[in-house]
Amino acid sequence: MDQTFNAVEIEVGFHPSGYRIDKTASAMNRYTQWNIVPGRGWCDPKPVCFHSLPPKGWFKKDRFDWDEIHVLEGVPS
């Protein structure tokens, strides 16, 4: 099992319940909540504030490809 982190430790990462943190992205994409839909994957992002994010259980990523909104189910790119 991959190591999980607290939200305050994440520069770029995701939470399995449908959240992303990307502090390298534009302000609208910095903290987002996504719908996870079978067959469509992660879709329909909405900006949220940092305080609405789950505090624990985050996975770190190197980066997200914001040009590619449709993402493989359960594995944000």
PDB file of N, CA and C in Angstrom:
ATOM      1  N   MET A   1       0.848  -1.185   0.000  1.00  0.00           N
ATOM      2  CA  MET A   1       0.000   0.000   0.000  1.00  0.00           C
ATOM      3  C   MET A   1       0.888   1.241   0.000  1.00  0.00           C
ATOM      4  N   ASP A   2       0.504   2.212  -0.819  1.00  0.00           N
ATOM      5  CA  ASP A   2       1.252   3.463  -0.881  1.00  0.00           C
ATOM      6  C   ASP A   2       1.075   4.255   0.407  1.00  0.00           C
ATOM      7  N   GLN A   3       2.102   5.023   0.726  1.00  0.00           N
ATOM      8  CA  GLN A   3       2.046   5.869   1.906  1.00  0.00           C
ATOM      9  C   GLN A   3       1.089   7.028   1.661  1.00  0.00           C
ATOM     10  N   THR A   4       0.281   7.365   2.654  1.00  0.00           N
ATOM     11  CA  THR A   4      -0.612   8.515   2.543  1.00  0.00           C
ATOM     12  C   THR A   4      -0.085   9.656   3.391  1.00  0.00           C
ATOM     13  N   PHE A   5      -0.581  10.857   3.080  1.00  0.00           N
ATOM     14  CA  PHE A   5      -0.085  12.066   3.714  1.00  0.00           C
ATOM     15  C   PHE A   5      -1.247  12.927   4.184  1.00  0.00           C
ATOM     16  N   ASN A   6      -0.941  13.927   4.997  1.00  0.00           N
ATOM     17  CA  ASN A   6      -1.918  14.934   5.397  1.00  0.00           C
ATOM     18  C   ASN A   6      -2.017  15.976   4.289  1.00  0.00           C
ATOM     19  N   ALA A   7      -3.156  16.625   4.162  1.00  0.00           N
ATOM     20  CA  ALA A   7      -3.373  17.623   3.113  1.00  0.00           C
ATOM     21  C   ALA A   7      -2.332  18.738   3.153  1.00  0.00           C
ATOM     22  N   VAL A   8      -1.910  19.147   4.339  1.00  0.00           N
ATOM     23  CA  VAL A   8      -0.932  20.240   4.445  1.00  0.00           C
ATOM     24  C   VAL A   8       0.437  19.855   3.883  1.00  0.00           C
ATOM     25  N   GLU A   9       0.700  18.561   3.698  1.00  0.00           N
ATOM     26  CA  GLU A   9       1.978  18.089   3.179  1.00  0.00           C
ATOM     27  C   GLU A   9       2.000  17.956   1.651  1.00  0.00           C
ATOM     28  N   ILE A  10       0.862  18.185   1.004  1.00  0.00           N
ATOM     29  CA  ILE A  10       0.726  17.918  -0.431  1.00  0.00           C
ATOM     30  C   ILE A  10       0.980  19.170  -1.263  1.00  0.00           C
ATOM     31  N   GLU A  11       1.882  19.054  -2.229  1.00  0.00           N
ATOM     32  CA  GLU A  11       2.081  20.086  -3.256  1.00  0.00           C
ATOM     33  C   GLU A  11       1.209  19.741  -4.471  1.00  0.00           C
ATOM     34  N   VAL A  12       1.266  18.474  -4.893  1.00  0.00           N
ATOM     35  CA  VAL A  12       0.426  17.941  -5.963  1.00  0.00           C
ATOM     36  C   VAL A  12      -0.002  16.547  -5.533  1.00  0.00           C
ATOM     37  N   GLY A  13      -1.306  16.300  -5.477  1.00  0.00           N
ATOM     38  CA  GLY A  13      -1.765  14.982  -5.061  1.00  0.00           C
ATOM     39  C   GLY A  13      -3.278  14.849  -5.134  1.00  0.00           C
ATOM     40  N   PHE A  14      -3.745  13.656  -4.762  1.00  0.00           N
ATOM     41  CA  PHE A  14      -5.183  13.384  -4.824  1.00  0.00           C
ATOM     42  C   PHE A  14      -5.629  12.593  -3.613  1.00  0.00           C
ATOM     43  N   HIS A  15      -6.928  12.687  -3.354  1.00  0.00           N
ATOM     44  CA  HIS A  15      -7.574  11.928  -2.282  1.00  0.00           C
ATOM     45  C   HIS A  15      -8.571  10.991  -2.945  1.00  0.00           C
ATOM     46  N   PRO A  16      -8.636   9.717  -2.535  1.00  0.00           N
ATOM     47  CA  PRO A  16      -9.525   8.746  -3.179  1.00  0.00           C
ATOM     48  C   PRO A  16     -11.015   9.106  -3.165  1.00  0.00           C
ATOM     49  N   SER A  17     -11.427  10.031  -2.317  1.00  0.00           N
ATOM     50  CA  SER A  17     -12.837  10.412  -2.289  1.00  0.00           C
ATOM     51  C   SER A  17     -13.163  11.501  -3.309  1.00  0.00           C
ATOM     52  N   GLY A  18     -12.199  11.833  -4.197  1.00  0.00           N
ATOM     53  CA  GLY A  18     -12.490  12.732  -5.306  1.00  0.00           C
ATOM     54  C   GLY A  18     -11.968  14.149  -5.184  1.00  0.00           C
ATOM     55  N   TYR A  19     -10.871  14.342  -4.495  1.00  0.00           N
ATOM     56  CA  TYR A  19     -10.286  15.674  -4.348  1.00  0.00           C
ATOM     57  C   TYR A  19      -8.882  15.694  -4.925  1.00  0.00           C
ATOM     58  N   ARG A  20      -8.473  16.866  -5.392  1.00  0.00           N
ATOM     59  CA  ARG A  20      -7.099  17.083  -5.847  1.00  0.00           C
ATOM     60  C   ARG A  20      -6.547  18.360  -5.236  1.00  0.00           C
ATOM     61  N   ILE A  21      -5.255  18.335  -4.989  1.00  0.00           N
ATOM     62  CA  ILE A  21      -4.495  19.530  -4.641  1.00  0.00           C
ATOM     63  C   ILE A  21      -3.429  19.663  -5.718  1.00  0.00           C
ATOM     64  N   ASP A  22      -3.333  20.854  -6.305  1.00  0.00           N
ATOM     65  CA  ASP A  22      -2.268  21.134  -7.261  1.00  0.00           C
ATOM     66  C   ASP A  22      -1.840  22.580  -7.077  1.00  0.00           C
ATOM     67  N   LYS A  23      -0.855  22.792  -6.221  1.00  0.00           N
ATOM     68  CA  LYS A  23      -0.401  24.147  -5.910  1.00  0.00           C
ATOM     69  C   LYS A  23       0.407  24.757  -7.053  1.00  0.00           C
ATOM     70  N   THR A  24       0.674  23.988  -8.120  1.00  0.00           N
ATOM     71  CA  THR A  24       1.369  24.508  -9.298  1.00  0.00           C
ATOM     72  C   THR A  24       0.382  24.977 -10.362  1.00  0.00           C
ATOM     73  N   ALA A  25      -0.900  24.732 -10.179  1.00  0.00           N
ATOM     74  CA  ALA A  25      -1.934  25.063 -11.171  1.00  0.00           C
ATOM     75  C   ALA A  25      -2.473  26.474 -10.952  1.00  0.00           C
ATOM     76  N   SER A  26      -3.356  26.896 -11.860  1.00  0.00           N
ATOM     77  CA  SER A  26      -4.025  28.190 -11.708  1.00  0.00           C
ATOM     78  C   SER A  26      -4.876  28.172 -10.438  1.00  0.00           C
ATOM     79  N   ALA A  27      -5.275  29.346  -9.999  1.00  0.00           N
ATOM     80  CA  ALA A  27      -6.047  29.449  -8.752  1.00  0.00           C
ATOM     81  C   ALA A  27      -7.330  28.625  -8.790  1.00  0.00           C
ATOM     82  N   MET A  28      -7.996  28.524  -9.930  1.00  0.00           N
ATOM     83  CA  MET A  28      -9.243  27.758 -10.048  1.00  0.00           C
ATOM     84  C   MET A  28      -9.002  26.250  -9.964  1.00  0.00           C
ATOM     85  N   ASN A  29      -7.795  25.807 -10.231  1.00  0.00           N
ATOM     86  CA  ASN A  29      -7.476  24.375 -10.201  1.00  0.00           C
ATOM     87  C   ASN A  29      -6.618  23.967  -9.007  1.00  0.00           C
ATOM     88  N   ARG A  30      -6.359  24.886  -8.104  1.00  0.00           N
ATOM     89  CA  ARG A  30      -5.481  24.587  -6.971  1.00  0.00           C
ATOM     90  C   ARG A  30      -6.084  23.525  -6.055  1.00  0.00           C
ATOM     91  N   TYR A  31      -7.316  23.704  -5.648  1.00  0.00           N
ATOM     92  CA  TYR A  31      -8.026  22.749  -4.798  1.00  0.00           C
ATOM     93  C   TYR A  31      -9.338  22.422  -5.497  1.00  0.00           C
ATOM     94  N   THR A  32      -9.546  21.165  -5.879  1.00  0.00           N
ATOM     95  CA  THR A  32     -10.739  20.813  -6.641  1.00  0.00           C
ATOM     96  C   THR A  32     -11.404  19.551  -6.096  1.00  0.00           C
ATOM     97  N   GLN A  33     -12.716  19.499  -6.288  1.00  0.00           N
ATOM     98  CA  GLN A  33     -13.501  18.309  -5.969  1.00  0.00           C
ATOM     99  C   GLN A  33     -14.048  17.767  -7.287  1.00  0.00           C
ATOM    100  N   TRP A  34     -13.943  16.456  -7.472  1.00  0.00           N
ATOM    101  CA  TRP A  34     -14.335  15.804  -8.715  1.00  0.00           C
ATOM    102  C   TRP A  34     -15.409  14.765  -8.453  1.00  0.00           C
ATOM    103  N   ASN A  35     -16.230  14.502  -9.471  1.00  0.00           N
ATOM    104  CA  ASN A  35     -17.126  13.352  -9.447  1.00  0.00           C
ATOM    105  C   ASN A  35     -16.345  12.169 -10.001  1.00  0.00           C
ATOM    106  N   ILE A  36     -16.479  11.019  -9.387  1.00  0.00           N
ATOM    107  CA  ILE A  36     -15.866   9.796  -9.905  1.00  0.00           C
ATOM    108  C   ILE A  36     -17.010   8.941 -10.429  1.00  0.00           C
ATOM    109  N   VAL A  37     -17.090   8.820 -11.756  1.00  0.00           N
ATOM    110  CA  VAL A  37     -18.211   8.165 -12.412  1.00  0.00           C
ATOM    111  C   VAL A  37     -17.704   6.927 -13.150  1.00  0.00           C
ATOM    112  N   PRO A  38     -18.279   5.751 -12.886  1.00  0.00           N
ATOM    113  CA  PRO A  38     -17.864   4.545 -13.606  1.00  0.00           C
ATOM    114  C   PRO A  38     -17.942   4.760 -15.119  1.00  0.00           C
ATOM    115  N   GLY A  39     -16.887   4.410 -15.813  1.00  0.00           N
ATOM    116  CA  GLY A  39     -16.827   4.558 -17.257  1.00  0.00           C
ATOM    117  C   GLY A  39     -16.353   5.922 -17.725  1.00  0.00           C
ATOM    118  N   ARG A  40     -16.430   6.923 -16.874  1.00  0.00           N
ATOM    119  CA  ARG A  40     -15.959   8.265 -17.224  1.00  0.00           C
ATOM    120  C   ARG A  40     -14.755   8.675 -16.392  1.00  0.00           C
ATOM    121  N   GLY A  41     -14.552   8.032 -15.260  1.00  0.00           N
ATOM    122  CA  GLY A  41     -13.420   8.364 -14.402  1.00  0.00           C
ATOM    123  C   GLY A  41     -13.656   9.645 -13.627  1.00  0.00           C
ATOM    124  N   TRP A  42     -12.582  10.390 -13.414  1.00  0.00           N
ATOM    125  CA  TRP A  42     -12.649  11.651 -12.682  1.00  0.00           C
ATOM    126  C   TRP A  42     -13.135  12.715 -13.650  1.00  0.00           C
ATOM    127  N   CYS A  43     -14.258  13.384 -13.320  1.00  0.00           N
ATOM    128  CA  CYS A  43     -14.817  14.374 -14.235  1.00  0.00           C
ATOM    129  C   CYS A  43     -15.515  15.481 -13.456  1.00  0.00           C
ATOM    130  N   ASP A  44     -15.892  16.533 -14.152  1.00  0.00           N
ATOM    131  CA  ASP A  44     -16.651  17.658 -13.602  1.00  0.00           C
ATOM    132  C   ASP A  44     -15.988  18.300 -12.382  1.00  0.00           C
ATOM    133  N   PRO A  45     -14.749  18.807 -12.536  1.00  0.00           N
ATOM    134  CA  PRO A  45     -14.077  19.418 -11.387  1.00  0.00           C
ATOM    135  C   PRO A  45     -14.744  20.722 -10.946  1.00  0.00           C
ATOM    136  N   LYS A  46     -14.749  20.939  -9.636  1.00  0.00           N
ATOM    137  CA  LYS A  46     -15.267  22.177  -9.061  1.00  0.00           C
ATOM    138  C   LYS A  46     -14.233  22.714  -8.080  1.00  0.00           C
ATOM    139  N   PRO A  47     -13.931  24.011  -8.151  1.00  0.00           N
ATOM    140  CA  PRO A  47     -12.996  24.578  -7.181  1.00  0.00           C
ATOM    141  C   PRO A  47     -13.594  24.558  -5.770  1.00  0.00           C
ATOM    142  N   VAL A  48     -12.755  24.263  -4.787  1.00  0.00           N
ATOM    143  CA  VAL A  48     -13.162  24.278  -3.383  1.00  0.00           C
ATOM    144  C   VAL A  48     -12.080  24.983  -2.576  1.00  0.00           C
ATOM    145  N   CYS A  49     -12.388  25.338  -1.341  1.00  0.00           N
ATOM    146  CA  CYS A  49     -11.374  25.949  -0.478  1.00  0.00           C
ATOM    147  C   CYS A  49     -10.590  24.846   0.240  1.00  0.00           C
ATOM    148  N   PHE A  50      -9.399  25.195   0.667  1.00  0.00           N
ATOM    149  CA  PHE A  50      -8.524  24.222   1.324  1.00  0.00           C
ATOM    150  C   PHE A  50      -9.193  23.602   2.544  1.00  0.00           C
ATOM    151  N   HIS A  51      -9.942  24.374   3.284  1.00  0.00           N
ATOM    152  CA  HIS A  51     -10.533  23.885   4.532  1.00  0.00           C
ATOM    153  C   HIS A  51     -11.651  22.861   4.324  1.00  0.00           C
ATOM    154  N   SER A  52     -12.142  22.724   3.092  1.00  0.00           N
ATOM    155  CA  SER A  52     -13.164  21.713   2.822  1.00  0.00           C
ATOM    156  C   SER A  52     -12.554  20.375   2.394  1.00  0.00           C
ATOM    157  N   LEU A  53     -11.233  20.316   2.257  1.00  0.00           N
ATOM    158  CA  LEU A  53     -10.555  19.079   1.848  1.00  0.00           C
ATOM    159  C   LEU A  53     -10.431  18.107   3.008  1.00  0.00           C
ATOM    160  N   PRO A  54     -10.446  16.800   2.733  1.00  0.00           N
ATOM    161  CA  PRO A  54     -10.182  15.831   3.799  1.00  0.00           C
ATOM    162  C   PRO A  54      -8.766  16.061   4.355  1.00  0.00           C
ATOM    163  N   PRO A  55      -8.592  16.071   5.661  1.00  0.00           N
ATOM    164  CA  PRO A  55      -7.274  16.377   6.226  1.00  0.00           C
ATOM    165  C   PRO A  55      -6.243  15.261   6.072  1.00  0.00           C
ATOM    166  N   LYS A  56      -6.676  14.009   5.945  1.00  0.00           N
ATOM    167  CA  LYS A  56      -5.736  12.875   5.897  1.00  0.00           C
ATOM    168  C   LYS A  56      -6.080  11.944   4.743  1.00  0.00           C
ATOM    169  N   GLY A  57      -5.118  11.081   4.385  1.00  0.00           N
ATOM    170  CA  GLY A  57      -5.358  10.049   3.379  1.00  0.00           C
ATOM    171  C   GLY A  57      -4.990  10.449   1.965  1.00  0.00           C
ATOM    172  N   TRP A  58      -4.088  11.394   1.780  1.00  0.00           N
ATOM    173  CA  TRP A  58      -3.695  11.919   0.482  1.00  0.00           C
ATOM    174  C   TRP A  58      -2.516  11.148  -0.113  1.00  0.00           C
ATOM    175  N   PHE A  59      -2.506  11.079  -1.456  1.00  0.00           N
ATOM    176  CA  PHE A  59      -1.411  10.469  -2.200  1.00  0.00           C
ATOM    177  C   PHE A  59      -0.703  11.554  -2.998  1.00  0.00           C
ATOM    178  N   LYS A  60       0.622  11.550  -2.968  1.00  0.00           N
ATOM    179  CA  LYS A  60       1.407  12.532  -3.719  1.00  0.00           C
ATOM    180  C   LYS A  60       1.524  12.118  -5.178  1.00  0.00           C
ATOM    181  N   LYS A  61       1.561  13.120  -6.051  1.00  0.00           N
ATOM    182  CA  LYS A  61       1.769  12.936  -7.489  1.00  0.00           C
ATOM    183  C   LYS A  61       2.883  13.878  -7.930  1.00  0.00           C
ATOM    184  N   ASP A  62       3.485  13.584  -9.087  1.00  0.00           N
ATOM    185  CA  ASP A  62       4.475  14.497  -9.648  1.00  0.00           C
ATOM    186  C   ASP A  62       3.783  15.697 -10.302  1.00  0.00           C
ATOM    187  N   ARG A  63       2.681  15.399 -11.028  1.00  0.00           N
ATOM    188  CA  ARG A  63       1.928  16.475 -11.690  1.00  0.00           C
ATOM    189  C   ARG A  63       0.604  15.917 -12.188  1.00  0.00           C
ATOM    190  N   PHE A  64      -0.313  16.832 -12.563  1.00  0.00           N
ATOM    191  CA  PHE A  64      -1.554  16.492 -13.245  1.00  0.00           C
ATOM    192  C   PHE A  64      -1.510  17.116 -14.626  1.00  0.00           C
ATOM    193  N   ASP A  65      -2.089  16.458 -15.606  1.00  0.00           N
ATOM    194  CA  ASP A  65      -2.191  17.004 -16.953  1.00  0.00           C
ATOM    195  C   ASP A  65      -3.537  17.700 -17.070  1.00  0.00           C
ATOM    196  N   TRP A  66      -3.573  19.016 -16.882  1.00  0.00           N
ATOM    197  CA  TRP A  66      -4.827  19.761 -16.883  1.00  0.00           C
ATOM    198  C   TRP A  66      -5.413  19.888 -18.276  1.00  0.00           C
ATOM    199  N   ASP A  67      -4.660  19.562 -19.330  1.00  0.00           N
ATOM    200  CA  ASP A  67      -5.216  19.545 -20.684  1.00  0.00           C
ATOM    201  C   ASP A  67      -6.045  18.297 -20.911  1.00  0.00           C
ATOM    202  N   GLU A  68      -5.853  17.288 -20.061  1.00  0.00           N
ATOM    203  CA  GLU A  68      -6.555  16.012 -20.181  1.00  0.00           C
ATOM    204  C   GLU A  68      -7.521  15.892 -19.010  1.00  0.00           C
ATOM    205  N   ILE A  69      -8.754  16.376 -19.174  1.00  0.00           N
ATOM    206  CA  ILE A  69      -9.741  16.360 -18.092  1.00  0.00           C
ATOM    207  C   ILE A  69     -10.264  14.958 -17.835  1.00  0.00           C
ATOM    208  N   HIS A  70     -10.530  14.185 -18.891  1.00  0.00           N
ATOM    209  CA  HIS A  70     -11.007  12.809 -18.696  1.00  0.00           C
ATOM    210  C   HIS A  70      -9.829  11.976 -18.208  1.00  0.00           C
ATOM    211  N   VAL A  71      -9.962  11.384 -17.054  1.00  0.00           N
ATOM    212  CA  VAL A  71      -8.881  10.669 -16.408  1.00  0.00           C
ATOM    213  C   VAL A  71      -9.316   9.244 -16.179  1.00  0.00           C
ATOM    214  N   LEU A  72      -8.384   8.299 -16.273  1.00  0.00           N
ATOM    215  CA  LEU A  72      -8.697   6.895 -16.023  1.00  0.00           C
ATOM    216  C   LEU A  72      -9.312   6.749 -14.641  1.00  0.00           C
ATOM    217  N   GLU A  73     -10.303   5.912 -14.537  1.00  0.00           N
ATOM    218  CA  GLU A  73     -11.066   5.739 -13.311  1.00  0.00           C
ATOM    219  C   GLU A  73     -10.179   5.387 -12.128  1.00  0.00           C
ATOM    220  N   GLY A  74     -10.278   6.218 -11.090  1.00  0.00           N
ATOM    221  CA  GLY A  74      -9.575   5.944  -9.842  1.00  0.00           C
ATOM    222  C   GLY A  74      -8.100   6.281  -9.853  1.00  0.00           C
ATOM    223  N   VAL A  75      -7.557   6.698 -10.980  1.00  0.00           N
ATOM    224  CA  VAL A  75      -6.115   7.007 -11.053  1.00  0.00           C
ATOM    225  C   VAL A  75      -5.949   8.346 -11.755  1.00  0.00           C
ATOM    226  N   PRO A  76      -5.959   9.473 -11.020  1.00  0.00           N
ATOM    227  CA  PRO A  76      -5.787  10.767 -11.656  1.00  0.00           C
ATOM    228  C   PRO A  76      -4.432  10.858 -12.326  1.00  0.00           C
ATOM    229  N   SER A  77      -4.367  11.454 -13.501  1.00  0.00           N
ATOM    230  CA  SER A  77      -3.081  11.557 -14.200  1.00  0.00           C
ATOM    231  C   SER A  77      -2.324  12.793 -13.788  1.00  0.00           C
TER     232      SER A  77
END
